[in-house]
Amino acid sequence: MSRSAIKLHTPAGRKALDKMIHESERKAQELAASRPARPGAKATQPAAAKPAATGAGEIRIIGGQWRRTRLAVAQKPGLRPTPDRVRETLFNWLGQDLSNWKCVDAFSGTGALGFEAASRGATSVIMNEQDAALVQQLQRLQQKLDARMVKVQRGDALSCLKTVAGQDLILLDPPFSQTELFEPALNAATAALNDGGFIYLEAPEAWAEDRLLEMGLELHRYLKAGAVHAHLLKKQ
């Protein structure tokens, strides 16, 4: 081996070899770029980004008279239907049969929770939603199901809760980004409940039992599913 040969066993030798490989690759890329394309050859295009989800998705009613019914719903940013597994668990906790119950779905969204309650025998379900397009969608679903026990209305959730009383179940699923809504919504819902009534709360974090007790609520059941913390609360 000549004295000018690269000594690979030394750090300097390895660095020199890496530099030679990099330079060789650069020259090969420049040469390929300078060659004309073959006739008929397709130019390589960068992969197109997938478009954002638009149009309609669907929800599936799990139990009751409309069991297995699939309902088309709009897909909107921030809209987060309660997952099937969580809904099934919630109504297992409640005992499945909601005959003669009065319910409010205060942040209705797709209506997954409210229609599930109506399907299981609730005699009154107020479905409140602030978004006009979602209100129209809820009205279409109500008509499709001929859900006469369901009343769809547009408005602010807190205002809705302050105008109702004597409820057996209040469903609270506020936007997770609006954390300032949670405590006022819980207070308003508690005031609207019958003694022994239930609040279902979905939140981005678990609520401490002592904090709930201060609000007159007992943590009856709890489930964590992904980013969802599901609480079934009972009015003391």
Protein backbone atom coordinates (compact mmCIF):
# COMPACT_ATOMS: atom_id res chain seq x y z
CA MET A 1 0.00 0.00 0.00
CA SER A 2 1.33 3.43 -0.95
CA ARG A 3 1.93 6.14 1.61
CA SER A 4 -0.92 8.18 -0.02
CA ALA A 5 -3.54 5.42 0.56
CA ILE A 6 -6.40 6.21 2.95
CA LYS A 7 -5.96 4.62 6.35
CA LEU A 8 -9.54 3.53 7.15
CA HIS A 9 -8.68 2.55 10.67
CA THR A 10 -8.08 6.18 11.65
CA PRO A 11 -10.74 8.89 12.23
CA ALA A 12 -9.14 11.07 9.56
CA GLY A 13 -9.21 8.20 7.06
CA ARG A 14 -12.91 7.49 7.67
CA LYS A 15 -13.74 11.20 7.30
CA ALA A 16 -11.87 11.38 4.00
CA LEU A 17 -13.70 8.32 2.68
CA ASP A 18 -17.11 9.78 3.62
CA LYS A 19 -16.22 12.97 1.75
CA MET A 20 -15.25 11.02 -1.39
CA ILE A 21 -18.54 9.03 -1.31
CA HIS A 22 -20.61 12.19 -0.86
CA GLU A 23 -18.85 13.92 -3.76
CA SER A 24 -19.36 10.90 -6.00
CA GLU A 25 -23.10 10.81 -5.23
CA ARG A 26 -23.43 14.55 -5.91
CA LYS A 27 -21.78 14.23 -9.33
CA ALA A 28 -24.01 11.27 -10.24
CA GLN A 29 -27.14 13.27 -9.38
CA GLU A 30 -25.96 16.25 -11.45
CA LEU A 31 -25.26 13.99 -14.41
CA ALA A 32 -28.71 12.35 -14.22
CA ALA A 33 -30.41 15.73 -14.03
CA SER A 34 -28.57 17.00 -17.12
CA ARG A 35 -29.69 14.08 -19.34
CA PRO A 36 -32.78 14.65 -21.50
CA ALA A 37 -35.80 12.53 -20.67
CA ARG A 38 -36.48 9.53 -22.91
CA PRO A 39 -39.36 9.98 -25.36
CA GLY A 40 -42.62 8.82 -23.78
CA ALA A 41 -41.16 8.67 -20.29
CA LYS A 42 -43.39 10.09 -17.54
CA ALA A 43 -41.94 12.81 -15.41
CA THR A 44 -41.78 11.97 -11.74
CA GLN A 45 -44.23 14.05 -9.76
CA PRO A 46 -44.13 14.57 -6.02
CA ALA A 47 -46.87 12.71 -4.20
CA ALA A 48 -49.98 14.82 -3.80
CA ALA A 49 -51.11 15.54 -0.28
CA LYS A 50 -54.31 13.77 0.73
CA PRO A 51 -57.25 16.16 0.84
CA ALA A 52 -58.82 16.91 4.19
CA ALA A 53 -61.85 14.84 5.09
CA THR A 54 -65.04 16.39 3.73
CA GLY A 55 -68.58 15.28 3.11
CA ALA A 56 -70.40 12.81 5.29
CA GLY A 57 -69.37 10.21 7.81
CA GLU A 58 -71.78 8.14 9.84
CA ILE A 59 -72.76 7.12 13.33
CA ARG A 60 -74.36 3.83 14.36
CA ILE A 61 -77.04 3.54 17.03
CA ILE A 62 -76.03 0.67 19.29
CA GLY A 63 -79.16 -0.27 21.23
CA GLY A 64 -82.91 0.16 21.57
CA GLN A 65 -85.59 0.46 18.90
CA TRP A 66 -83.18 1.85 16.29
CA ARG A 67 -80.40 -0.61 17.04
CA ARG A 68 -77.84 -0.99 14.21
CA THR A 69 -79.32 1.99 12.34
CA ARG A 70 -76.62 3.96 10.56
CA LEU A 71 -77.05 7.70 10.20
CA ALA A 72 -75.06 9.91 7.82
CA VAL A 73 -73.45 12.89 9.58
CA ALA A 74 -71.30 15.77 8.39
CA GLN A 75 -67.58 15.79 9.09
CA LYS A 76 -66.54 19.12 10.56
CA PRO A 77 -63.29 20.20 12.23
CA GLY A 78 -63.50 19.66 15.98
CA LEU A 79 -66.61 17.47 15.75
CA ARG A 80 -65.98 14.41 17.90
CA PRO A 81 -68.79 11.83 18.06
CA THR A 82 -68.68 9.69 21.19
CA PRO A 83 -67.04 6.36 20.18
CA ASP A 84 -69.26 3.28 19.93
CA ARG A 85 -67.42 1.53 22.77
CA VAL A 86 -67.91 4.47 25.13
CA ARG A 87 -71.61 4.85 24.26
CA GLU A 88 -72.18 1.16 24.81
CA THR A 89 -70.46 1.32 28.20
CA LEU A 90 -72.41 4.42 29.24
CA PHE A 91 -75.80 2.83 28.58
CA ASN A 92 -74.69 -0.37 30.28
CA TRP A 93 -73.98 1.79 33.33
CA LEU A 94 -77.44 3.35 33.06
CA GLY A 95 -79.17 -0.02 32.74
CA GLN A 96 -80.15 0.15 29.03
CA ASP A 97 -83.85 0.99 29.58
CA LEU A 98 -84.50 4.73 29.87
CA SER A 99 -88.29 4.50 29.73
CA ASN A 100 -89.95 7.70 31.02
CA TRP A 101 -86.62 9.48 31.40
CA LYS A 102 -86.24 13.16 30.52
CA CYS A 103 -82.88 13.95 28.92
CA VAL A 104 -80.90 16.90 27.58
CA ASP A 105 -78.03 16.55 25.09
CA ALA A 106 -76.59 20.03 25.63
CA PHE A 107 -73.69 19.95 23.14
CA SER A 108 -75.42 17.70 20.65
CA GLY A 109 -73.03 17.77 17.66
CA THR A 110 -73.82 14.67 15.60
CA GLY A 111 -76.58 13.66 18.01
CA ALA A 112 -74.99 10.28 18.76
CA LEU A 113 -75.73 10.46 22.49
CA GLY A 114 -79.18 12.01 22.26
CA PHE A 115 -80.47 9.60 19.63
CA GLU A 116 -79.06 6.70 21.62
CA ALA A 117 -81.05 7.84 24.66
CA ALA A 118 -84.21 8.25 22.58
CA SER A 119 -83.72 4.80 21.06
CA ARG A 120 -83.68 3.30 24.57
CA GLY A 121 -87.06 4.67 25.61
CA ALA A 122 -86.50 8.23 26.87
CA THR A 123 -89.80 10.10 26.62
CA SER A 124 -88.19 13.52 26.17
CA VAL A 125 -84.81 14.34 24.63
CA ILE A 126 -83.81 17.96 24.07
CA MET A 127 -80.98 18.11 21.55
CA ASN A 128 -79.29 21.49 21.75
CA GLU A 129 -76.65 22.64 19.24
CA GLN A 130 -75.20 26.04 18.40
CA ASP A 131 -73.94 25.34 14.86
CA ALA A 132 -76.71 26.06 12.32
CA ALA A 133 -75.57 23.40 9.83
CA LEU A 134 -75.49 20.75 12.54
CA VAL A 135 -78.95 21.79 13.75
CA GLN A 136 -80.30 21.21 10.22
CA GLN A 137 -78.58 17.83 10.13
CA LEU A 138 -80.13 16.84 13.49
CA GLN A 139 -83.55 17.85 12.21
CA ARG A 140 -83.10 15.64 9.13
CA LEU A 141 -82.07 12.68 11.29
CA GLN A 142 -85.03 13.28 13.61
CA GLN A 143 -87.39 13.19 10.63
CA LYS A 144 -85.74 10.09 9.20
CA LEU A 145 -86.24 8.23 12.49
CA ASP A 146 -89.65 9.78 13.14
CA ALA A 147 -88.26 10.53 16.61
CA ARG A 148 -91.20 12.42 18.07
CA MET A 149 -89.73 12.41 21.56
CA VAL A 150 -86.76 14.46 20.30
CA LYS A 151 -86.80 18.25 20.25
CA VAL A 152 -83.98 19.84 18.24
CA GLN A 153 -83.12 23.42 19.07
CA ARG A 154 -80.39 25.89 18.27
CA GLY A 155 -78.71 27.81 21.05
CA ASP A 156 -75.97 28.18 23.62
CA ALA A 157 -75.59 25.12 25.85
CA LEU A 158 -75.41 27.06 29.12
CA SER A 159 -78.55 29.03 28.27
CA CYS A 160 -80.32 25.79 27.41
CA LEU A 161 -79.39 24.19 30.73
CA LYS A 162 -80.59 27.21 32.67
CA THR A 163 -84.07 26.96 31.12
CA VAL A 164 -84.78 23.29 31.89
CA ALA A 165 -85.58 21.46 35.13
CA GLY A 166 -86.59 18.04 36.39
CA GLN A 167 -84.22 16.15 34.10
CA ASP A 168 -83.12 12.55 34.69
CA LEU A 169 -80.04 12.55 32.45
CA ILE A 170 -77.94 15.39 31.05
CA LEU A 171 -75.31 14.63 28.44
CA LEU A 172 -72.32 17.00 28.40
CA ASP A 173 -69.74 16.72 25.65
CA PRO A 174 -68.23 20.22 25.30
CA PRO A 175 -65.44 20.96 22.79
CA PHE A 176 -62.24 19.85 24.48
CA SER A 177 -60.52 23.11 23.47
CA GLN A 178 -63.05 25.20 25.45
CA THR A 179 -62.06 24.16 28.94
CA GLU A 180 -63.71 27.26 30.42
CA LEU A 181 -67.12 25.72 29.62
CA PHE A 182 -66.81 22.62 31.75
CA GLU A 183 -67.39 23.93 35.27
CA PRO A 184 -70.27 26.31 34.36
CA ALA A 185 -71.90 23.51 32.34
CA LEU A 186 -71.62 21.09 35.26
CA ASN A 187 -73.12 23.62 37.67
CA ALA A 188 -76.00 24.41 35.34
CA ALA A 189 -76.62 20.73 34.65
CA THR A 190 -76.67 19.88 38.36
CA ALA A 191 -79.30 22.54 38.98
CA ALA A 192 -81.44 21.12 36.14
CA LEU A 193 -81.39 17.52 37.47
CA ASN A 194 -83.86 15.64 39.62
CA ASP A 195 -82.38 14.35 42.88
CA GLY A 196 -80.55 11.14 42.01
CA GLY A 197 -80.32 12.15 38.35
CA PHE A 198 -77.23 11.57 36.22
CA ILE A 199 -74.78 13.68 34.26
CA TYR A 200 -72.61 12.08 31.62
CA LEU A 201 -69.44 14.14 31.11
CA GLU A 202 -66.77 13.71 28.45
CA ALA A 203 -63.60 15.65 29.19
CA PRO A 204 -59.95 15.80 28.13
CA GLU A 205 -58.90 14.95 31.70
CA ALA A 206 -60.23 13.13 34.74
CA TRP A 207 -62.17 15.19 37.27
CA ALA A 208 -61.16 14.69 40.91
CA GLU A 209 -63.84 13.22 43.17
CA ASP A 210 -63.40 15.87 45.87
CA ARG A 211 -63.91 18.63 43.32
CA LEU A 212 -67.11 16.96 42.09
CA LEU A 213 -68.38 16.50 45.65
CA GLU A 214 -68.10 20.25 46.20
CA MET A 215 -70.50 20.64 43.26
CA GLY A 216 -72.99 18.16 44.74
CA LEU A 217 -71.99 15.31 42.43
CA GLU A 218 -70.82 11.77 43.11
CA LEU A 219 -68.50 10.00 40.67
CA HIS A 220 -70.62 6.93 39.89
CA ARG A 221 -68.58 5.42 37.04
CA TYR A 222 -65.44 6.34 35.09
CA LEU A 223 -63.76 5.16 31.88
CA LYS A 224 -60.73 6.34 29.91
CA ALA A 225 -60.75 5.53 26.19
CA GLY A 226 -57.92 7.14 24.24
CA ALA A 227 -58.12 10.90 24.77
CA VAL A 228 -61.65 10.68 26.20
CA HIS A 229 -62.28 10.65 29.96
CA ALA A 230 -65.88 9.50 30.42
CA HIS A 231 -67.58 10.24 33.75
CA LEU A 232 -71.03 9.19 34.94
CA LEU A 233 -71.94 11.53 37.77
CA LYS A 234 -74.90 11.23 40.14
CA LYS A 235 -76.57 14.15 41.88
CA GLN A 236 -76.43 13.75 45.64
